[in-house]
Protein backbone atom coordinates (compact mmCIF):
# COMPACT_ATOMS: atom_id res chain seq x y z
CA LYS A 1 15.66 18.54 12.94
CA MET A 2 11.99 19.59 13.01
CA SER A 3 9.41 17.13 14.21
CA PRO A 4 6.68 16.13 11.77
CA PRO A 5 3.52 18.24 11.94
CA TYR A 6 0.43 17.13 13.85
CA ARG A 7 -3.21 18.16 13.56
CA VAL A 8 -5.15 19.22 16.64
CA LEU A 9 -8.71 18.00 16.15
CA LEU A 10 -11.86 19.32 17.78
CA ARG A 11 -14.62 16.73 18.04
CA ASN A 12 -18.29 17.54 18.34
CA ASP A 13 -20.06 17.01 21.64
CA ASN A 14 -23.63 17.55 22.76
CA TYR A 15 -22.69 19.29 26.00
CA ASN A 16 -20.89 22.57 25.35
CA LYS A 17 -22.66 25.63 23.99
CA ARG A 18 -21.37 27.06 20.73
CA GLU A 19 -20.33 30.34 22.34
CA TYR A 20 -18.27 28.48 24.96
CA VAL A 21 -16.46 26.42 22.30
CA VAL A 22 -15.59 29.61 20.41
CA GLN A 23 -14.28 31.23 23.62
CA VAL A 24 -12.08 28.24 24.44
CA LEU A 25 -10.66 28.07 20.92
CA MET A 26 -9.72 31.75 21.05
CA LYS A 27 -8.12 31.28 24.48
CA VAL A 28 -6.13 28.13 23.66
CA ILE A 29 -5.06 28.54 20.01
CA PRO A 30 -2.54 31.34 19.35
CA CYS A 31 -3.77 34.09 17.01
CA MET A 32 -7.24 32.50 16.68
CA THR A 33 -9.71 35.07 15.36
CA LEU A 34 -13.40 35.11 16.18
CA ASP A 35 -14.28 34.26 12.57
CA ASN A 36 -11.88 31.29 12.49
CA ALA A 37 -13.11 30.02 15.85
CA VAL A 38 -16.74 30.20 14.70
CA ASN A 39 -15.89 28.36 11.46
CA ILE A 40 -14.01 25.61 13.34
CA MET A 41 -16.86 25.20 15.83
CA GLN A 42 -19.45 25.01 13.04
CA GLU A 43 -17.40 22.48 11.07
CA ALA A 44 -17.11 20.27 14.17
CA ARG A 45 -20.87 20.57 14.80
CA TYR A 46 -21.84 19.62 11.25
CA ASN A 47 -19.08 17.15 10.32
CA GLY A 48 -18.31 15.61 13.72
CA MET A 49 -14.81 17.08 13.87
CA SER A 50 -12.60 19.86 12.58
CA VAL A 51 -8.90 20.74 12.43
CA ASP A 52 -7.99 23.55 14.83
CA ILE A 53 -4.32 23.96 14.05
CA ILE A 54 -1.36 22.12 12.53
CA CYS A 55 1.89 22.39 14.46
CA ALA A 56 4.79 20.45 16.01
CA GLN A 57 3.83 17.39 18.04
CA VAL A 58 4.77 18.89 21.41
CA ASP A 59 2.66 21.99 20.70
CA ALA A 60 -0.22 19.86 19.40
CA GLU A 61 -0.17 17.76 22.58
CA ASP A 62 -0.19 20.92 24.70
CA ARG A 63 -3.11 22.51 22.79
CA CYS A 64 -5.05 19.25 22.91
CA MET A 65 -4.60 19.01 26.68
CA GLN A 66 -5.69 22.63 27.10
CA LEU A 67 -8.83 22.02 25.05
CA ARG A 68 -9.60 18.91 27.10
CA GLY A 69 -8.89 20.82 30.31
CA ASN A 70 -11.65 23.23 29.27
CA GLY A 71 -14.11 20.39 28.71
CA LEU A 72 -13.84 20.00 24.93
CA LEU A 73 -13.26 16.74 23.06
CA SER A 74 -9.91 16.90 21.31
CA SER A 75 -7.24 14.60 19.90
CA ILE A 76 -4.16 14.83 17.71
CA GLU A 77 -2.98 12.93 14.65
CA PRO A 78 -0.02 13.16 12.28
CA ALA A 79 -0.55 15.64 9.46
CA SER A 80 0.75 15.60 5.94
CA GLY A 81 2.26 18.91 4.94
CA GLY A 82 3.96 21.73 6.82
CA CYS A 83 3.05 23.80 9.85
């Protein structure tokens, strides 16, 4: 049985430079393109948070910890819909 999907959220902070956030997103999230990383970073800057990826809970927890380990503010929450 597949676990329910979870969202990995990126929250805005006033510490990290935009370029650094984009670099971390591309390093941590599989198949993240430069354009997608820039869009996610900008959404977090303007709206306070953005969704990085939707995936299984164990993967979401891992990605969240990697983002946090690189100094970004991240959390997870259950998602409605598929991966």
